[in-house]
């Protein structure tokens, strides 16, 4: 891939010109949905509240519910990916495309979302344990060990996310393939490209800072722009057609 970041971003802006409404609206809807579910879970469980010590069963329910929310969020991400793929092809999109993963080949998207979410969930467990269990913060040796595990989990999650960034794009464009084939396809696609994709992510830091300065309101426009650029990156990988 010889396409520069500037060219990818220019193509992304071109695809979004005159079509910003649907990607912005669906991103806002997806983030509101998952945020509301997360706030409800935090409020009902009481986990993390100072002075409150929940039982083992409550922790299990909390982690299962968190995993369920993560899977739902990933399924909505599939719908948003479909929208950006269609925009790249110059096709019309609608808000109902957000629920594409629930309407077409849902068994494949649910399985892929569960596998993807499970890996990231396991990688985040050390961080969650430090946050949820005060005992891990009271002993300096335990604290250091868990912070090392949290760092290792973060690195593994990053490498996994880079290698399998386009699993859902492949399932959308090639519905005949299986979930394992989609994971293998993404891994093959990203060979020799993970660093470039990582740097592409870093190139949006200025936009993310701008989003913070706008009290996060700017993310409604920034995230669709970022996702459209990722889509252009994917479409410029020659091996994806093999």
C-alpha atoms as a PDB file:
ATOM      1  CA  UNK A   1       0.000   0.000   0.000  1.00  0.00           C
ATOM      2  CA  UNK A   2       1.612   3.236  -1.184  1.00  0.00           C
ATOM      3  CA  UNK A   3      -1.314   5.531  -0.416  1.00  0.00           C
ATOM      4  CA  UNK A   4      -0.373   8.311   1.995  1.00  0.00           C
ATOM      5  CA  UNK A   5      -2.369   9.270   5.060  1.00  0.00           C
ATOM      6  CA  UNK A   6      -3.261  12.567   3.426  1.00  0.00           C
ATOM      7  CA  UNK A   7      -4.716  10.747   0.421  1.00  0.00           C
ATOM      8  CA  UNK A   8      -6.690   8.377   2.636  1.00  0.00           C
ATOM      9  CA  UNK A   9      -8.125  11.290   4.602  1.00  0.00           C
ATOM     10  CA  UNK A  10      -8.933  13.215   1.435  1.00  0.00           C
ATOM     11  CA  UNK A  11     -10.832  10.192   0.091  1.00  0.00           C
ATOM     12  CA  UNK A  12     -12.632   9.893   3.441  1.00  0.00           C
ATOM     13  CA  UNK A  13     -13.743  13.526   3.335  1.00  0.00           C
ATOM     14  CA  UNK A  14     -14.899  13.081  -0.247  1.00  0.00           C
ATOM     15  CA  UNK A  15     -16.986  10.021   0.686  1.00  0.00           C
ATOM     16  CA  UNK A  16     -18.551  11.885   3.603  1.00  0.00           C
ATOM     17  CA  UNK A  17     -19.310  15.099   1.732  1.00  0.00           C
ATOM     18  CA  UNK A  18     -23.074  15.487   1.617  1.00  0.00           C
ATOM     19  CA  UNK A  19     -23.545  12.229   3.543  1.00  0.00           C
ATOM     20  CA  UNK A  20     -22.469  13.143   7.062  1.00  0.00           C
ATOM     21  CA  UNK A  21     -25.942  12.894   8.614  1.00  0.00           C
ATOM     22  CA  UNK A  22     -26.300   9.098   8.750  1.00  0.00           C
ATOM     23  CA  UNK A  23     -22.815   8.243  10.108  1.00  0.00           C
ATOM     24  CA  UNK A  24     -23.086  11.029  12.701  1.00  0.00           C
ATOM     25  CA  UNK A  25     -26.572  10.048  13.802  1.00  0.00           C
ATOM     26  CA  UNK A  26     -25.797   6.327  14.016  1.00  0.00           C
ATOM     27  CA  UNK A  27     -22.594   6.958  15.976  1.00  0.00           C
ATOM     28  CA  UNK A  28     -24.503   9.149  18.427  1.00  0.00           C
ATOM     29  CA  UNK A  29     -27.260   6.561  18.771  1.00  0.00           C
ATOM     30  CA  UNK A  30     -24.779   3.721  19.346  1.00  0.00           C
ATOM     31  CA  UNK A  31     -22.764   5.616  21.951  1.00  0.00           C
ATOM     32  CA  UNK A  32     -25.887   6.787  23.796  1.00  0.00           C
ATOM     33  CA  UNK A  33     -27.277   3.253  23.861  1.00  0.00           C
ATOM     34  CA  UNK A  34     -24.140   1.673  25.324  1.00  0.00           C
ATOM     35  CA  UNK A  35     -23.553   4.572  27.720  1.00  0.00           C
ATOM     36  CA  UNK A  36     -27.086   4.345  29.116  1.00  0.00           C
ATOM     37  CA  UNK A  37     -26.730   0.587  29.622  1.00  0.00           C
ATOM     38  CA  UNK A  38     -23.372   1.066  31.347  1.00  0.00           C
ATOM     39  CA  UNK A  39     -24.708   3.786  33.663  1.00  0.00           C
ATOM     40  CA  UNK A  40     -27.686   1.590  34.574  1.00  0.00           C
ATOM     41  CA  UNK A  41     -25.369  -1.339  35.316  1.00  0.00           C
ATOM     42  CA  UNK A  42     -23.077   0.794  37.494  1.00  0.00           C
ATOM     43  CA  UNK A  43     -26.044   2.265  39.386  1.00  0.00           C
ATOM     44  CA  UNK A  44     -27.834  -1.028  39.967  1.00  0.00           C
ATOM     45  CA  UNK A  45     -24.759  -3.081  40.896  1.00  0.00           C
ATOM     46  CA  UNK A  46     -23.214  -0.497  43.206  1.00  0.00           C
ATOM     47  CA  UNK A  47     -19.816  -2.001  42.408  1.00  0.00           C
ATOM     48  CA  UNK A  48     -17.050   0.569  42.757  1.00  0.00           C
ATOM     49  CA  UNK A  49     -19.059   2.616  45.248  1.00  0.00           C
ATOM     50  CA  UNK A  50     -16.884   3.621  48.256  1.00  0.00           C
ATOM     51  CA  UNK A  51     -17.792   1.693  51.401  1.00  0.00           C
ATOM     52  CA  UNK A  52     -19.817  -0.949  49.552  1.00  0.00           C
ATOM     53  CA  UNK A  53     -18.552  -4.547  49.426  1.00  0.00           C
ATOM     54  CA  UNK A  54     -20.517  -6.714  47.002  1.00  0.00           C
ATOM     55  CA  UNK A  55     -20.520 -10.507  47.093  1.00  0.00           C
ATOM     56  CA  UNK A  56     -18.990 -12.920  44.607  1.00  0.00           C
ATOM     57  CA  UNK A  57     -22.326 -13.497  42.846  1.00  0.00           C
ATOM     58  CA  UNK A  58     -22.752  -9.761  42.283  1.00  0.00           C
ATOM     59  CA  UNK A  59     -19.291  -9.570  40.728  1.00  0.00           C
ATOM     60  CA  UNK A  60     -20.102 -12.456  38.398  1.00  0.00           C
ATOM     61  CA  UNK A  61     -23.357 -10.807  37.302  1.00  0.00           C
ATOM     62  CA  UNK A  62     -21.542  -7.506  36.830  1.00  0.00           C
ATOM     63  CA  UNK A  63     -18.845  -9.000  34.605  1.00  0.00           C
ATOM     64  CA  UNK A  64     -21.394 -10.989  32.567  1.00  0.00           C
ATOM     65  CA  UNK A  65     -23.519  -7.873  32.057  1.00  0.00           C
ATOM     66  CA  UNK A  66     -20.433  -5.867  31.070  1.00  0.00           C
ATOM     67  CA  UNK A  67     -19.523  -8.533  28.524  1.00  0.00           C
ATOM     68  CA  UNK A  68     -23.078  -8.475  27.136  1.00  0.00           C
ATOM     69  CA  UNK A  69     -22.903  -4.682  26.705  1.00  0.00           C
ATOM     70  CA  UNK A  70     -19.532  -5.060  24.969  1.00  0.00           C
ATOM     71  CA  UNK A  71     -21.004  -7.572  22.506  1.00  0.00           C
ATOM     72  CA  UNK A  72     -23.957  -5.270  21.764  1.00  0.00           C
ATOM     73  CA  UNK A  73     -21.577  -2.368  21.213  1.00  0.00           C
ATOM     74  CA  UNK A  74     -19.522  -4.470  18.792  1.00  0.00           C
ATOM     75  CA  UNK A  75     -22.642  -5.506  16.864  1.00  0.00           C
ATOM     76  CA  UNK A  76     -23.570  -1.850  16.451  1.00  0.00           C
ATOM     77  CA  UNK A  77     -20.008  -1.211  15.301  1.00  0.00           C
ATOM     78  CA  UNK A  78     -20.627  -3.789  12.547  1.00  0.00           C
ATOM     79  CA  UNK A  79     -23.573  -1.718  11.354  1.00  0.00           C
ATOM     80  CA  UNK A  80     -21.506   1.449  11.359  1.00  0.00           C
ATOM     81  CA  UNK A  81     -18.776  -0.357   9.418  1.00  0.00           C
ATOM     82  CA  UNK A  82     -21.367  -1.338   6.817  1.00  0.00           C
ATOM     83  CA  UNK A  83     -22.388   2.329   6.486  1.00  0.00           C
ATOM     84  CA  UNK A  84     -18.817   3.449   5.862  1.00  0.00           C
ATOM     85  CA  UNK A  85     -18.195   0.668   3.341  1.00  0.00           C
ATOM     86  CA  UNK A  86     -21.290   1.722   1.421  1.00  0.00           C
ATOM     87  CA  UNK A  87     -20.212   5.364   1.472  1.00  0.00           C
ATOM     88  CA  UNK A  88     -16.821   4.381   0.068  1.00  0.00           C
ATOM     89  CA  UNK A  89     -18.613   2.615  -2.793  1.00  0.00           C
ATOM     90  CA  UNK A  90     -20.804   5.685  -3.383  1.00  0.00           C
ATOM     91  CA  UNK A  91     -23.995   3.875  -2.353  1.00  0.00           C
ATOM     92  CA  UNK A  92     -26.933   5.281  -0.398  1.00  0.00           C
ATOM     93  CA  UNK A  93     -27.116   4.573   3.342  1.00  0.00           C
ATOM     94  CA  UNK A  94     -29.816   4.869   5.975  1.00  0.00           C
ATOM     95  CA  UNK A  95     -30.059   4.880   9.753  1.00  0.00           C
ATOM     96  CA  UNK A  96     -31.445   1.329   9.775  1.00  0.00           C
ATOM     97  CA  UNK A  97     -28.037   0.120   8.514  1.00  0.00           C
ATOM     98  CA  UNK A  98     -26.877   0.524  12.113  1.00  0.00           C
ATOM     99  CA  UNK A  99     -28.691  -2.747  12.849  1.00  0.00           C
ATOM    100  CA  UNK A 100     -27.251  -4.597   9.851  1.00  0.00           C
ATOM    101  CA  UNK A 101     -25.605  -7.252  12.058  1.00  0.00           C
ATOM    102  CA  UNK A 102     -28.973  -8.108  13.621  1.00  0.00           C
ATOM    103  CA  UNK A 103     -30.719  -8.469  10.255  1.00  0.00           C
ATOM    104  CA  UNK A 104     -28.229 -10.266   8.001  1.00  0.00           C
ATOM    105  CA  UNK A 105     -26.075 -13.285   8.874  1.00  0.00           C
ATOM    106  CA  UNK A 106     -26.605 -12.447  12.528  1.00  0.00           C
ATOM    107  CA  UNK A 107     -25.181 -15.800  13.694  1.00  0.00           C
ATOM    108  CA  UNK A 108     -21.793 -14.959  12.176  1.00  0.00           C
ATOM    109  CA  UNK A 109     -21.726 -11.398  13.475  1.00  0.00           C
ATOM    110  CA  UNK A 110     -22.792 -12.453  16.974  1.00  0.00           C
ATOM    111  CA  UNK A 111     -20.121 -15.169  17.119  1.00  0.00           C
ATOM    112  CA  UNK A 112     -17.411 -12.823  15.803  1.00  0.00           C
ATOM    113  CA  UNK A 113     -18.512 -10.086  18.218  1.00  0.00           C
ATOM    114  CA  UNK A 114     -18.437 -12.495  21.150  1.00  0.00           C
ATOM    115  CA  UNK A 115     -14.942 -13.729  20.266  1.00  0.00           C
ATOM    116  CA  UNK A 116     -13.654 -10.195  19.715  1.00  0.00           C
ATOM    117  CA  UNK A 117     -15.240  -8.901  22.921  1.00  0.00           C
ATOM    118  CA  UNK A 118     -14.062 -11.907  24.946  1.00  0.00           C
ATOM    119  CA  UNK A 119     -10.400 -11.350  24.084  1.00  0.00           C
ATOM    120  CA  UNK A 120     -10.580  -7.627  24.868  1.00  0.00           C
ATOM    121  CA  UNK A 121     -12.576  -8.349  28.034  1.00  0.00           C
ATOM    122  CA  UNK A 122      -9.955 -10.813  29.298  1.00  0.00           C
ATOM    123  CA  UNK A 123      -7.189  -8.323  28.502  1.00  0.00           C
ATOM    124  CA  UNK A 124      -8.973  -5.683  30.595  1.00  0.00           C
ATOM    125  CA  UNK A 125      -9.498  -7.927  33.641  1.00  0.00           C
ATOM    126  CA  UNK A 126      -6.330  -6.779  35.483  1.00  0.00           C
ATOM    127  CA  UNK A 127      -7.422  -3.139  35.150  1.00  0.00           C
ATOM    128  CA  UNK A 128     -10.945  -3.997  36.303  1.00  0.00           C
ATOM    129  CA  UNK A 129      -9.592  -5.899  39.302  1.00  0.00           C
ATOM    130  CA  UNK A 130      -7.425  -2.948  40.362  1.00  0.00           C
ATOM    131  CA  UNK A 131     -10.446  -0.654  40.088  1.00  0.00           C
ATOM    132  CA  UNK A 132     -13.043  -2.939  41.671  1.00  0.00           C
ATOM    133  CA  UNK A 133     -11.114  -4.709  44.418  1.00  0.00           C
ATOM    134  CA  UNK A 134      -9.558  -2.397  47.057  1.00  0.00           C
ATOM    135  CA  UNK A 135      -7.404  -5.299  48.331  1.00  0.00           C
ATOM    136  CA  UNK A 136      -5.300  -5.111  45.175  1.00  0.00           C
ATOM    137  CA  UNK A 137      -4.443  -1.490  45.980  1.00  0.00           C
ATOM    138  CA  UNK A 138      -3.618  -1.983  49.665  1.00  0.00           C
ATOM    139  CA  UNK A 139      -0.524  -4.149  49.206  1.00  0.00           C
ATOM    140  CA  UNK A 140       2.299  -2.513  47.258  1.00  0.00           C
ATOM    141  CA  UNK A 141       3.587  -5.845  45.919  1.00  0.00           C
ATOM    142  CA  UNK A 142       0.144  -6.877  44.675  1.00  0.00           C
ATOM    143  CA  UNK A 143      -0.423  -3.415  43.236  1.00  0.00           C
ATOM    144  CA  UNK A 144       2.819  -3.519  41.241  1.00  0.00           C
ATOM    145  CA  UNK A 145       2.071  -7.021  39.969  1.00  0.00           C
ATOM    146  CA  UNK A 146      -1.417  -6.097  38.847  1.00  0.00           C
ATOM    147  CA  UNK A 147      -0.208  -2.926  37.154  1.00  0.00           C
ATOM    148  CA  UNK A 148       2.328  -5.009  35.230  1.00  0.00           C
ATOM    149  CA  UNK A 149      -0.473  -7.401  34.247  1.00  0.00           C
ATOM    150  CA  UNK A 150      -2.648  -4.441  33.256  1.00  0.00           C
ATOM    151  CA  UNK A 151       0.144  -3.100  31.029  1.00  0.00           C
ATOM    152  CA  UNK A 152       0.653  -6.530  29.454  1.00  0.00           C
ATOM    153  CA  UNK A 153      -3.101  -6.844  28.899  1.00  0.00           C
ATOM    154  CA  UNK A 154      -3.175  -3.444  27.237  1.00  0.00           C
ATOM    155  CA  UNK A 155      -0.352  -4.368  24.868  1.00  0.00           C
ATOM    156  CA  UNK A 156      -2.014  -7.672  23.953  1.00  0.00           C
ATOM    157  CA  UNK A 157      -5.334  -5.894  23.372  1.00  0.00           C
ATOM    158  CA  UNK A 158      -3.616  -3.356  21.110  1.00  0.00           C
ATOM    159  CA  UNK A 159      -1.857  -6.025  19.031  1.00  0.00           C
ATOM    160  CA  UNK A 160      -5.056  -8.042  18.778  1.00  0.00           C
ATOM    161  CA  UNK A 161      -7.083  -4.998  17.717  1.00  0.00           C
ATOM    162  CA  UNK A 162      -4.556  -4.131  15.025  1.00  0.00           C
ATOM    163  CA  UNK A 163      -4.305  -7.660  13.628  1.00  0.00           C
ATOM    164  CA  UNK A 164      -8.052  -8.230  13.550  1.00  0.00           C
ATOM    165  CA  UNK A 165      -9.214  -4.703  12.800  1.00  0.00           C
ATOM    166  CA  UNK A 166     -10.999  -5.738   9.605  1.00  0.00           C
ATOM    167  CA  UNK A 167     -12.786  -8.925  10.652  1.00  0.00           C
ATOM    168  CA  UNK A 168     -16.181  -7.267  10.365  1.00  0.00           C
ATOM    169  CA  UNK A 169     -15.383  -5.544   7.072  1.00  0.00           C
ATOM    170  CA  UNK A 170     -14.571  -8.963   5.601  1.00  0.00           C
ATOM    171  CA  UNK A 171     -17.774 -10.524   6.962  1.00  0.00           C
ATOM    172  CA  UNK A 172     -19.805  -7.676   5.479  1.00  0.00           C
ATOM    173  CA  UNK A 173     -18.180  -7.751   2.063  1.00  0.00           C
ATOM    174  CA  UNK A 174     -17.848 -11.527   1.851  1.00  0.00           C
ATOM    175  CA  UNK A 175     -20.834 -13.040   3.682  1.00  0.00           C
ATOM    176  CA  UNK A 176     -20.030 -16.497   2.313  1.00  0.00           C
ATOM    177  CA  UNK A 177     -16.898 -16.893   4.464  1.00  0.00           C
ATOM    178  CA  UNK A 178     -16.907 -18.332   7.986  1.00  0.00           C
ATOM    179  CA  UNK A 179     -15.949 -16.469  11.148  1.00  0.00           C
ATOM    180  CA  UNK A 180     -12.566 -18.229  11.480  1.00  0.00           C
ATOM    181  CA  UNK A 181     -11.856 -17.374   7.831  1.00  0.00           C
ATOM    182  CA  UNK A 182     -12.662 -13.714   8.553  1.00  0.00           C
ATOM    183  CA  UNK A 183     -10.206 -13.678  11.457  1.00  0.00           C
ATOM    184  CA  UNK A 184      -7.521 -15.365   9.358  1.00  0.00           C
ATOM    185  CA  UNK A 185      -8.248 -12.993   6.479  1.00  0.00           C
ATOM    186  CA  UNK A 186      -7.833  -9.926   8.676  1.00  0.00           C
ATOM    187  CA  UNK A 187      -4.608 -11.286  10.127  1.00  0.00           C
ATOM    188  CA  UNK A 188      -3.212 -11.903   6.639  1.00  0.00           C
ATOM    189  CA  UNK A 189      -4.418  -8.504   5.475  1.00  0.00           C
ATOM    190  CA  UNK A 190      -2.602  -6.725   8.294  1.00  0.00           C
ATOM    191  CA  UNK A 191       0.735  -8.492   7.864  1.00  0.00           C
ATOM    192  CA  UNK A 192       3.274  -5.729   7.368  1.00  0.00           C
ATOM    193  CA  UNK A 193       0.574  -3.092   7.830  1.00  0.00           C
ATOM    194  CA  UNK A 194      -0.066  -3.082  11.578  1.00  0.00           C
ATOM    195  CA  UNK A 195       2.522  -0.372  12.249  1.00  0.00           C
ATOM    196  CA  UNK A 196       1.181   1.854   9.478  1.00  0.00           C
ATOM    197  CA  UNK A 197      -2.380   1.413  10.766  1.00  0.00           C
ATOM    198  CA  UNK A 198      -1.199   2.200  14.297  1.00  0.00           C
ATOM    199  CA  UNK A 199       0.504   5.386  13.092  1.00  0.00           C
ATOM    200  CA  UNK A 200      -2.664   6.275  11.173  1.00  0.00           C
ATOM    201  CA  UNK A 201      -4.521   6.063  14.481  1.00  0.00           C
ATOM    202  CA  UNK A 202      -1.955   8.351  16.106  1.00  0.00           C
ATOM    203  CA  UNK A 203      -2.373  10.896  13.321  1.00  0.00           C
ATOM    204  CA  UNK A 204      -5.852  11.689  14.704  1.00  0.00           C
ATOM    205  CA  UNK A 205      -4.594  12.727  18.154  1.00  0.00           C
ATOM    206  CA  UNK A 206      -5.073  16.391  17.295  1.00  0.00           C
ATOM    207  CA  UNK A 207      -8.687  15.718  16.327  1.00  0.00           C
ATOM    208  CA  UNK A 208      -9.277  13.801  19.568  1.00  0.00           C
ATOM    209  CA  UNK A 209      -7.890  16.719  21.589  1.00  0.00           C
ATOM    210  CA  UNK A 210     -10.195  19.038  19.673  1.00  0.00           C
ATOM    211  CA  UNK A 211     -13.077  16.724  20.579  1.00  0.00           C
ATOM    212  CA  UNK A 212     -12.191  17.040  24.265  1.00  0.00           C
ATOM    213  CA  UNK A 213     -12.012  20.827  24.021  1.00  0.00           C
ATOM    214  CA  UNK A 214     -15.508  20.818  22.504  1.00  0.00           C
ATOM    215  CA  UNK A 215     -16.783  18.946  25.591  1.00  0.00           C
ATOM    216  CA  UNK A 216     -16.899  15.768  23.478  1.00  0.00           C
ATOM    217  CA  UNK A 217     -19.587  17.212  21.188  1.00  0.00           C
ATOM    218  CA  UNK A 218     -17.097  17.285  18.334  1.00  0.00           C
ATOM    219  CA  UNK A 219     -16.725  13.514  18.471  1.00  0.00           C
ATOM    220  CA  UNK A 220     -20.089  13.214  16.729  1.00  0.00           C
ATOM    221  CA  UNK A 221     -18.297  14.426  13.563  1.00  0.00           C
ATOM    222  CA  UNK A 222     -14.740  13.305  14.350  1.00  0.00           C
ATOM    223  CA  UNK A 223     -15.412   9.588  14.870  1.00  0.00           C
ATOM    224  CA  UNK A 224     -17.256   9.117  11.538  1.00  0.00           C
ATOM    225  CA  UNK A 225     -14.329  10.868   9.814  1.00  0.00           C
ATOM    226  CA  UNK A 226     -11.871   8.531  11.561  1.00  0.00           C
ATOM    227  CA  UNK A 227     -13.910   5.444  10.694  1.00  0.00           C
ATOM    228  CA  UNK A 228     -14.244   6.524   7.068  1.00  0.00           C
ATOM    229  CA  UNK A 229     -10.459   6.888   6.904  1.00  0.00           C
ATOM    230  CA  UNK A 230     -10.049   3.382   8.359  1.00  0.00           C
ATOM    231  CA  UNK A 231     -12.411   2.140   5.668  1.00  0.00           C
ATOM    232  CA  UNK A 232     -10.315   3.798   2.977  1.00  0.00           C
ATOM    233  CA  UNK A 233      -7.238   2.098   4.465  1.00  0.00           C
ATOM    234  CA  UNK A 234      -9.004  -1.270   4.217  1.00  0.00           C
ATOM    235  CA  UNK A 235     -10.159  -0.652   0.649  1.00  0.00           C
ATOM    236  CA  UNK A 236      -6.588   0.181  -0.367  1.00  0.00           C
ATOM    237  CA  UNK A 237      -5.260  -3.214   0.739  1.00  0.00           C
ATOM    238  CA  UNK A 238      -4.782  -5.198  -2.525  1.00  0.00           C
ATOM    239  CA  UNK A 239      -4.859  -8.637  -0.857  1.00  0.00           C
ATOM    240  CA  UNK A 240      -8.424  -8.165   0.400  1.00  0.00           C
ATOM    241  CA  UNK A 241      -9.808  -9.295  -2.944  1.00  0.00           C
ATOM    242  CA  UNK A 242      -8.027 -12.646  -2.828  1.00  0.00           C
END
